[in-house]
Protein backbone atom coordinates (compact mmCIF):
# COMPACT_ATOMS: atom_id res chain seq x y z
CA MET A 1 20.23 17.94 5.67
CA ARG A 2 17.86 16.01 3.39
CA SER A 3 15.53 15.17 6.31
CA HIS A 4 15.38 18.85 7.26
CA VAL A 5 14.52 19.79 3.67
CA LYS A 6 11.78 17.15 3.58
CA GLU A 7 10.42 18.32 6.94
CA GLY A 8 10.33 21.90 5.69
CA ARG A 9 8.51 20.89 2.52
CA VAL A 10 5.97 18.90 4.54
CA LYS A 11 5.29 21.90 6.78
CA GLN A 12 4.88 24.09 3.71
CA SER A 13 2.47 21.53 2.24
CA LEU A 14 0.43 21.46 5.42
CA ARG A 15 0.17 25.25 5.30
CA VAL A 16 -1.04 25.34 1.70
CA SER A 17 -3.29 22.36 2.36
CA PHE A 18 -4.89 24.29 5.19
CA TRP A 19 -5.68 27.20 2.87
CA ASP A 20 -6.93 24.77 0.25
CA GLY A 21 -9.25 23.43 2.95
CA VAL A 22 -10.47 26.92 3.83
CA PHE A 23 -11.48 27.76 0.26
CA TYR A 24 -12.82 24.25 -0.40
CA ALA A 25 -14.96 24.64 2.72
CA CYS A 26 -16.15 27.99 1.41
CA MET A 27 -17.24 26.35 -1.85
CA THR A 28 -18.89 23.50 0.05
CA GLY A 29 -20.80 25.86 2.33
CA LEU A 30 -22.01 27.88 -0.64
CA VAL A 31 -23.17 24.88 -2.68
CA SER A 32 -23.63 21.57 -0.89
CA ASP A 33 -26.80 22.30 1.07
CA TYR A 34 -28.31 24.36 -1.74
CA LEU A 35 -28.34 21.97 -4.70
CA THR A 36 -31.65 20.52 -3.50
CA PRO A 37 -33.24 23.99 -3.13
CA TYR A 38 -31.83 24.78 -6.60
CA ALA A 39 -33.49 21.64 -7.96
CA LEU A 40 -36.77 22.55 -6.26
CA ALA A 41 -36.60 26.01 -7.86
CA LEU A 42 -36.20 24.20 -11.19
CA LYS A 43 -39.46 22.32 -10.40
CA ALA A 44 -37.91 19.00 -9.37
CA THR A 45 -40.19 16.28 -7.97
CA PRO A 46 -39.36 14.09 -4.92
CA GLY A 47 -38.31 11.38 -7.38
CA ASP A 48 -35.95 13.85 -9.07
CA ILE A 49 -34.46 14.73 -5.68
CA GLY A 50 -33.78 11.06 -5.04
CA ILE A 51 -32.01 10.76 -8.39
CA LEU A 52 -30.06 13.97 -7.73
CA ALA A 53 -28.81 12.43 -4.50
CA ALA A 54 -28.23 8.98 -5.99
CA ALA A 55 -26.72 9.58 -9.44
CA PRO A 56 -23.61 11.50 -8.28
CA SER A 57 -22.87 8.76 -5.76
CA LEU A 58 -23.21 6.03 -8.39
CA VAL A 59 -20.92 7.71 -10.93
CA ALA A 60 -18.43 8.74 -8.24
CA THR A 61 -18.48 5.13 -7.07
CA LEU A 62 -17.70 3.79 -10.53
CA THR A 63 -14.97 6.34 -11.22
CA GLN A 64 -13.25 6.16 -7.84
CA SER A 65 -12.41 2.52 -8.40
CA LYS A 66 -10.06 3.83 -11.11
CA ALA A 67 -8.48 6.54 -8.95
CA PRO A 68 -5.55 4.34 -7.79
CA ASP A 69 -4.86 3.20 -11.38
CA LEU A 70 -4.91 6.79 -12.64
CA THR A 71 -2.59 7.85 -9.83
CA GLU A 72 -0.15 5.09 -10.72
CA ARG A 73 -0.39 5.93 -14.43
CA PHE A 74 0.41 9.58 -13.76
CA LYS A 75 3.11 8.40 -11.32
CA SER A 76 2.04 11.27 -9.08
CA ARG A 77 -0.66 11.91 -6.51
CA THR A 78 -0.35 15.68 -6.84
CA THR A 79 -0.88 15.54 -10.61
CA THR A 80 -4.03 13.48 -10.12
CA ILE A 81 -5.33 15.83 -7.44
CA ASN A 82 -4.69 19.00 -9.42
CA LEU A 83 -6.20 17.69 -12.67
CA PHE A 84 -9.49 16.55 -11.19
CA VAL A 85 -9.94 19.46 -8.78
CA PHE A 86 -9.59 21.84 -11.74
CA MET A 87 -12.15 19.81 -13.71
CA GLN A 88 -14.49 19.88 -10.73
CA ALA A 89 -14.26 23.67 -10.62
CA LEU A 90 -15.12 23.88 -14.32
CA MET A 91 -18.34 21.91 -13.78
CA LEU A 92 -19.77 24.82 -11.79
CA ILE A 93 -19.96 26.87 -15.01
CA PRO A 94 -22.66 24.76 -16.73
CA ILE A 95 -24.48 24.34 -13.40
CA MET A 96 -24.83 28.11 -13.06
CA ALA A 97 -25.99 28.36 -16.71
CA ILE A 98 -28.82 25.80 -16.41
CA PRO A 99 -31.78 28.23 -16.08
CA TYR A 100 -30.57 30.13 -19.15
CA LEU A 101 -29.22 27.45 -21.53
CA PHE A 102 -31.09 24.27 -20.56
CA LYS A 103 -34.67 25.49 -20.24
CA ALA A 104 -36.18 22.37 -21.85
CA ASN A 105 -34.88 19.90 -19.26
CA PRO A 106 -33.26 21.87 -16.43
CA VAL A 107 -33.51 19.17 -13.77
CA ILE A 108 -31.90 16.56 -16.02
CA ALA A 109 -29.11 19.01 -16.80
CA LEU A 110 -28.57 19.66 -13.08
CA ILE A 111 -28.37 15.93 -12.37
CA ILE A 112 -25.81 15.42 -15.15
CA PHE A 113 -23.52 18.31 -14.22
CA ALA A 114 -23.85 17.73 -10.47
CA THR A 115 -22.85 14.12 -11.11
CA LEU A 116 -19.74 15.18 -13.03
CA PHE A 117 -18.94 17.76 -10.34
CA THR A 118 -19.09 15.06 -7.64
CA ALA A 119 -17.20 12.48 -9.71
CA PHE A 120 -14.23 14.77 -10.43
CA GLY A 121 -14.01 15.76 -6.77
CA GLY A 122 -14.19 12.10 -5.79
CA LEU A 123 -11.29 11.16 -8.05
CA ALA A 124 -9.09 13.69 -6.26
CA ASN A 125 -9.97 12.45 -2.78
CA PRO A 126 -8.00 9.16 -2.44
CA PRO A 127 -4.62 10.58 -3.53
CA TRP A 128 -5.19 13.68 -1.36
CA ALA A 129 -6.00 11.55 1.66
CA GLY A 130 -2.95 9.37 0.99
CA LEU A 131 -0.71 12.44 0.97
CA MET A 132 -2.19 13.87 4.16
CA ALA A 133 -1.74 10.55 5.96
CA GLU A 134 1.97 10.64 5.07
CA TYR A 135 2.38 14.22 6.27
CA ILE A 136 0.91 13.62 9.75
CA PRO A 137 2.10 11.02 12.31
CA ALA A 138 -0.57 8.54 13.42
CA ARG A 139 -0.50 9.71 17.04
CA LYS A 140 -1.40 13.28 15.98
CA ARG A 141 -4.03 12.65 13.30
CA GLY A 142 -7.07 12.92 15.54
CA ALA A 143 -5.94 16.20 17.05
CA TYR A 144 -4.74 17.64 13.73
CA PHE A 145 -7.84 16.79 11.70
CA GLY A 146 -10.04 17.84 14.60
CA TRP A 147 -8.36 21.27 14.58
CA ARG A 148 -8.35 21.54 10.79
CA ASN A 149 -11.98 20.46 10.42
CA LYS A 150 -12.99 22.88 13.15
CA ILE A 151 -11.55 25.83 11.23
CA THR A 152 -12.94 24.70 7.90
CA GLY A 153 -16.27 24.03 9.58
CA ILE A 154 -16.45 27.66 10.72
CA VAL A 155 -15.81 28.72 7.13
CA THR A 156 -18.50 26.32 5.89
CA VAL A 157 -21.04 27.81 8.31
CA ALA A 158 -20.17 31.35 7.26
CA ALA A 159 -20.40 30.50 3.55
CA SER A 160 -23.66 28.61 4.03
CA PHE A 161 -25.11 31.61 5.84
CA VAL A 162 -24.04 33.81 2.92
CA SER A 163 -25.92 31.54 0.52
CA GLY A 164 -29.01 31.57 2.71
CA PHE A 165 -28.90 35.34 3.06
CA ILE A 166 -28.56 35.80 -0.71
CA LEU A 167 -31.53 33.48 -1.32
CA PHE A 168 -33.60 35.21 1.36
CA ARG A 169 -32.90 38.67 -0.04
CA LEU A 170 -33.39 37.65 -3.67
CA THR A 171 -36.36 35.30 -3.27
CA HIS A 172 -38.21 37.39 -5.87
CA ASN A 173 -35.38 36.70 -8.37
CA ILE A 174 -34.30 33.26 -7.30
CA PHE A 175 -32.14 32.30 -10.29
CA VAL A 176 -30.07 35.48 -9.98
CA ALA A 177 -29.50 34.44 -6.36
CA PHE A 178 -28.32 30.97 -7.36
CA LEU A 179 -26.13 32.43 -10.12
CA THR A 180 -24.44 34.70 -7.57
CA ILE A 181 -23.86 31.78 -5.19
CA LEU A 182 -22.41 29.53 -7.89
CA ILE A 183 -20.04 32.24 -9.19
CA LEU A 184 -18.68 32.69 -5.66
CA ALA A 185 -18.29 28.92 -5.31
CA PHE A 186 -16.42 28.72 -8.62
CA ILE A 187 -13.96 31.42 -7.53
CA CYS A 188 -13.37 29.67 -4.19
CA ARG A 189 -12.67 26.31 -5.85
CA LEU A 190 -10.18 27.90 -8.25
CA ILE A 191 -8.33 29.49 -5.33
CA SER A 192 -8.38 26.12 -3.55
CA TRP A 193 -6.91 24.48 -6.66
CA GLY A 194 -4.16 27.12 -6.74
CA PHE A 195 -3.03 26.16 -3.24
CA LEU A 196 -3.15 22.44 -4.07
CA THR A 197 -0.67 22.93 -6.92
CA ARG A 198 1.95 23.87 -4.31
CA MET A 199 1.78 20.62 -2.31
CA TYR A 200 4.94 18.52 -1.95
CA GLU A 201 4.82 14.84 -2.87
CA PRO A 202 7.03 12.33 -1.03
CA ARG A 203 8.44 9.49 -3.10
CA PHE A 204 5.61 7.51 -4.67
CA ALA A 205 6.57 4.11 -6.11
CA PRO A 206 3.85 1.48 -5.62
CA ALA A 207 5.10 -2.08 -6.05
CA ARG A 208 3.36 -4.81 -8.04
CA GLU A 209 2.64 -6.77 -4.87
CA ASP A 210 0.64 -3.82 -3.51
CA TYR A 211 -1.89 -4.14 -6.33
CA PHE A 212 -5.27 -5.78 -5.78
CA SER A 213 -8.49 -5.22 -7.69
CA ILE A 214 -11.74 -4.11 -6.14
CA TRP A 215 -13.11 -7.61 -6.75
CA ASP A 216 -10.19 -9.09 -4.79
CA PHE A 217 -11.03 -6.65 -2.01
CA ILE A 218 -14.75 -7.51 -2.01
CA LYS A 219 -14.06 -11.27 -1.95
CA ARG A 220 -11.91 -10.88 1.17
CA MET A 221 -14.10 -8.37 3.01
CA ARG A 222 -15.57 -10.87 5.46
CA GLN A 223 -12.12 -12.15 6.36
CA THR A 224 -10.48 -8.88 7.37
CA ASN A 225 -11.20 -6.33 10.07
CA PHE A 226 -10.89 -3.49 7.57
CA GLY A 227 -13.28 -5.25 5.19
CA LYS A 228 -15.87 -5.59 7.96
CA PHE A 229 -15.48 -1.90 8.73
CA VAL A 230 -16.05 -0.98 5.07
CA PHE A 231 -19.15 -3.19 4.91
CA PHE A 232 -20.50 -1.55 8.07
CA ALA A 233 -19.83 1.97 6.74
CA ALA A 234 -21.46 1.19 3.38
CA SER A 235 -24.53 -0.39 4.99
CA PHE A 236 -24.86 2.42 7.52
CA ASN A 237 -24.66 5.08 4.80
CA PHE A 238 -27.31 3.18 2.83
CA CYS A 239 -29.66 3.56 5.80
CA VAL A 240 -28.71 7.20 6.28
CA GLN A 241 -29.35 8.13 2.65
CA ILE A 242 -32.85 6.67 2.64
CA ALA A 243 -33.88 9.77 4.57
CA ALA A 244 -31.04 12.33 4.26
CA PRO A 245 -31.88 13.82 0.83
CA PHE A 246 -35.45 14.53 1.93
CA PHE A 247 -34.89 16.72 4.97
CA PRO A 248 -34.54 19.81 2.71
CA VAL A 249 -37.69 18.77 0.84
CA PHE A 250 -39.50 18.32 4.16
CA MET A 251 -38.43 21.75 5.41
CA LEU A 252 -39.06 23.73 2.22
CA LYS A 253 -42.11 21.95 0.79
CA ASP A 254 -43.96 20.23 3.63
CA LEU A 255 -43.20 22.60 6.51
CA GLN A 256 -43.02 25.68 4.23
CA PHE A 257 -39.95 27.13 5.94
CA ASN A 258 -38.44 30.18 4.26
CA TYR A 259 -34.81 30.18 3.08
CA LEU A 260 -33.58 31.95 6.21
CA THR A 261 -35.11 29.34 8.53
CA TYR A 262 -33.78 26.58 6.29
CA THR A 263 -30.30 28.10 6.39
CA LEU A 264 -30.28 28.48 10.18
CA LEU A 265 -31.30 24.84 10.63
CA THR A 266 -28.73 23.69 8.09
CA ILE A 267 -25.76 25.60 9.48
CA THR A 268 -26.62 24.46 13.01
CA VAL A 269 -25.40 20.98 12.06
CA THR A 270 -22.03 22.32 10.93
CA ALA A 271 -21.79 24.64 13.94
CA ALA A 272 -22.29 21.68 16.26
CA GLN A 273 -19.61 19.77 14.35
CA ILE A 274 -17.21 22.65 14.86
CA ILE A 275 -17.73 22.58 18.62
CA ALA A 276 -17.43 18.81 18.96
CA ILE A 277 -14.94 17.69 16.32
CA ASP A 278 -11.65 18.48 18.05
CA ARG A 279 -12.94 16.88 21.27
CA TRP A 280 -13.85 13.72 19.37
CA GLY A 281 -10.47 13.77 17.61
CA MET A 282 -8.48 14.04 20.84
CA LEU A 283 -10.60 11.36 22.49
CA ALA A 284 -10.06 9.05 19.52
CA ASP A 285 -6.29 9.54 19.86
CA ARG A 286 -6.62 8.44 23.50
CA THR A 287 -9.24 5.68 23.34
CA GLY A 288 -9.17 4.51 19.71
CA ASN A 289 -11.35 5.30 16.73
CA ILE A 290 -13.76 2.38 16.83
CA LYS A 291 -15.13 3.11 20.29
CA VAL A 292 -15.92 6.69 19.28
CA LEU A 293 -17.38 5.45 16.00
CA LYS A 294 -19.79 3.09 17.76
CA VAL A 295 -21.00 5.77 20.17
CA CYS A 296 -21.56 8.26 17.37
CA SER A 297 -23.35 5.78 15.12
CA LEU A 298 -25.87 5.12 17.90
CA LEU A 299 -26.49 8.85 18.26
CA ILE A 300 -26.92 9.17 14.49
CA ALA A 301 -29.51 6.40 14.51
CA PHE A 302 -31.66 8.50 16.86
CA ASN A 303 -31.51 11.65 14.71
CA PRO A 304 -34.53 11.05 12.41
CA LEU A 305 -36.73 10.31 15.43
CA PHE A 306 -36.36 13.87 16.69
CA TRP A 307 -38.22 15.12 13.60
CA ILE A 308 -41.15 12.85 14.39
CA ILE A 309 -41.52 14.19 17.93
CA ASN A 310 -41.82 17.87 17.01
CA ARG A 311 -41.37 20.08 13.97
CA HIS A 312 -41.17 23.58 15.42
CA PRO A 313 -38.01 25.38 14.20
CA ALA A 314 -36.88 26.20 17.75
CA TYR A 315 -37.06 22.51 18.69
CA LEU A 316 -35.40 21.40 15.45
CA ILE A 317 -32.38 23.55 16.31
CA PHE A 318 -31.66 21.10 19.13
CA ALA A 319 -32.24 18.14 16.82
CA GLN A 320 -29.69 19.59 14.40
CA ILE A 321 -27.20 20.18 17.21
CA ALA A 322 -27.48 16.49 18.11
CA ALA A 323 -26.95 15.56 14.45
CA GLY A 324 -23.84 17.71 14.09
CA PHE A 325 -22.44 16.48 17.40
CA SER A 326 -22.74 12.83 16.36
CA TRP A 327 -21.60 13.21 12.75
CA ALA A 328 -18.48 15.09 13.85
CA GLY A 329 -17.15 12.08 15.70
CA PHE A 330 -18.31 9.55 13.11
CA ASN A 331 -16.63 11.28 10.16
CA ILE A 332 -13.28 12.01 11.76
CA CYS A 333 -12.93 8.53 13.26
CA ALA A 334 -13.97 6.76 10.06
CA THR A 335 -11.25 8.63 8.17
CA ASN A 336 -8.57 8.09 10.81
CA PHE A 337 -9.41 4.39 11.13
CA ILE A 338 -8.62 3.95 7.44
CA TYR A 339 -5.28 5.71 7.90
CA ASP A 340 -4.45 3.42 10.83
CA ALA A 341 -5.69 0.16 9.31
CA VAL A 342 -3.79 0.10 6.01
CA THR A 343 -0.15 0.48 5.03
CA PRO A 344 1.02 3.63 3.18
CA GLN A 345 1.68 1.61 0.00
CA LYS A 346 -1.94 0.45 -0.15
CA ARG A 347 -3.56 3.55 1.32
CA VAL A 348 -4.68 5.28 -1.90
CA ARG A 349 -6.21 2.05 -3.21
CA CYS A 350 -7.93 1.21 0.09
CA ILE A 351 -9.33 4.73 0.44
CA ALA A 352 -10.64 4.54 -3.13
CA TYR A 353 -12.30 1.17 -2.59
CA PHE A 354 -13.78 2.37 0.70
CA ASN A 355 -15.25 5.37 -1.11
CA VAL A 356 -16.52 3.15 -3.91
CA LEU A 357 -18.48 0.86 -1.61
CA VAL A 358 -19.74 3.66 0.64
CA GLY A 359 -20.74 5.56 -2.49
CA LEU A 360 -22.64 2.52 -3.70
CA GLY A 361 -24.47 2.42 -0.36
CA ILE A 362 -25.29 6.12 -0.68
CA PHE A 363 -26.56 5.62 -4.23
CA LEU A 364 -28.79 2.68 -3.35
CA GLY A 365 -30.08 4.38 -0.20
CA ALA A 366 -30.98 7.61 -2.01
CA LEU A 367 -32.59 5.64 -4.84
CA CYS A 368 -34.69 3.61 -2.39
CA GLY A 369 -35.64 6.79 -0.53
CA GLY A 370 -36.76 8.38 -3.78
CA LEU A 371 -38.92 5.37 -4.61
CA LEU A 372 -40.43 5.22 -1.12
CA ALA A 373 -40.89 8.97 -0.49
CA THR A 374 -44.33 9.17 -2.16
CA ARG A 375 -45.42 5.64 -1.23
CA MET A 376 -44.99 5.58 2.55
CA PRO A 377 -48.03 5.74 4.82
CA ILE A 378 -48.87 9.11 6.33
CA LEU A 379 -47.52 9.64 9.85
CA PHE A 380 -48.71 12.68 11.83
CA GLY A 381 -49.82 14.26 8.57
CA TYR A 382 -46.63 13.69 6.53
CA ARG A 383 -45.42 10.76 4.41
CA LEU A 384 -41.77 11.69 4.86
CA LEU A 385 -42.02 11.13 8.61
CA SER A 386 -42.67 7.45 7.90
CA LEU A 387 -39.52 7.42 5.77
CA PHE A 388 -37.55 8.99 8.63
CA LEU A 389 -38.84 6.32 11.04
CA LEU A 390 -37.89 3.51 8.66
CA ALA A 391 -34.39 4.96 8.21
CA SER A 392 -33.88 5.16 11.97
CA ILE A 393 -34.94 1.56 12.54
CA MET A 394 -32.62 0.35 9.81
CA ARG A 395 -29.68 2.28 11.28
CA PHE A 396 -30.17 0.58 14.64
CA ALA A 397 -30.35 -2.82 12.94
CA VAL A 398 -27.06 -2.29 11.08
CA ILE A 399 -25.32 -1.18 14.27
CA ALA A 400 -26.58 -4.17 16.24
CA ILE A 401 -25.54 -6.69 13.59
CA MET A 402 -22.27 -5.29 12.23
CA ALA A 403 -20.63 -2.91 14.69
CA PRO A 404 -19.63 -5.58 17.28
CA ARG A 405 -17.53 -7.35 14.61
CA ILE A 406 -15.15 -4.42 14.09
CA HIS A 407 -12.06 -4.15 16.30
CA GLU A 408 -9.64 -1.34 17.03
CA VAL A 409 -6.24 -1.53 15.30
CA ARG A 410 -4.31 0.90 17.50
CA ARG A 411 -3.60 0.34 21.17
CA ALA A 412 -5.76 2.68 23.25
CA ALA A 413 -3.65 4.79 25.56
CA GLU A 414 -6.57 5.24 27.92
CA PRO A 415 -9.37 2.63 28.06
CA MET A 416 -12.69 4.35 28.71
CA ARG A 417 -16.31 3.33 28.94
CA LYS A 418 -18.59 4.59 26.15
CA ARG A 419 -20.75 6.45 28.68
CA ASP A 420 -17.75 8.27 30.14
CA LEU A 421 -16.47 9.01 26.66
CA PHE A 422 -19.79 10.69 25.82
CA TYR A 423 -19.72 12.73 29.05
CA SER A 424 -16.16 13.81 28.34
CA VAL A 425 -17.07 15.24 24.93
CA ILE A 426 -20.05 17.25 26.16
CA GLY A 427 -18.05 18.50 29.15
CA ILE A 428 -20.00 16.78 31.93
CA LYS A 429 -18.00 15.19 34.74
CA PRO A 430 -18.77 11.45 34.76
CA LEU A 431 -21.06 10.38 37.58
CA THR A 432 -19.09 7.16 37.79
CA GLU A 433 -15.82 8.85 38.74
CA GLY A 434 -13.72 6.62 40.92
CA GLN A 435 -14.95 3.41 39.31
CA SER A 436 -12.92 1.40 36.84
CA LEU A 437 -12.68 2.95 33.40
CA LYS A 438 -12.65 -0.42 31.71
CA GLU A 439 -15.84 -1.85 30.21
């Protein structure tokens, strides 16, 4: 009887978690790709944009190292989640008030409140991920998160389009447009928080032997497969963030795209993720996460080069499709690898430390990008194109040096060559059919 009760409560939690994801995705679509345009409307410089991208990552990095300790102090993952999600929602109030109450230093105010917004959301992530990993059996995680992320991705695209439409229609009164967007985002996050308060928590009793500090983890990184994976992910995100914060700047300032064009290019990435993510998830369940991760990281390394070749919006649509396609597989497999590689007792702590080190990579990458953005040589008429080229070269270098050292932890049900794996996702019948599937 007790197992049936637990199973029913888990199913109920998955239902409310799904609706939490829908409204969280709505908030994300409304806000995430529009903080940089908001900063530009507040007269931010390229250096300010680099800090806006870097500071939230640094503070989230420092705070997430304490997420496992806070969870253990509260003796509850759901309490930790609910507290910090609510605080994250509250941070949207001062962000929407910046043009009216912080006129002296609006960009500094945005950096501060955006940092707090990110940090509170980051503190809720490790315990949430630990709960979800307990709800879903390992053999079904790829398919489940592929399906879930596909639905939430559709919501993200729709919400992002709403933001872009509001900005396009209210370009003459831009701060009213941003105020409208942020109010909608605040409402969505509150609804999301309401669903999270209904999640069931299985027994949570971490033992003393499961404790290890972040310094213990860092000292042993080179000795463990999971540590090598974390080092790869942190280094790769460092290279990504050298360029990533400056694509909106490049579109809005250098290429002079209007908000509608910017929105279409931005949502194309998410739309491509929606199409590809469940395919990547099912393939990862069959072939393992690391093989998919390596294929996708190579595709991601190519992404900045597309912007150097051509900058017409019609062409950039295809570049954004490629970006969304590759990031879909990378993100879902990185998450599922963590779930597979660590025990449930250590999962919250390992997820937190992973986020800490990846966040540190994001912070340093964005900071370096901000310092380099105005100092790079001009390439085809634009300094930022040189930054994109540098970021691409560095991504390839990290893959070549670090990726071969990471090994799969689950037994692949169906060994498959990377080329055939790629063909399978895009729906093309492999030309090598009939040959051995083993590499």
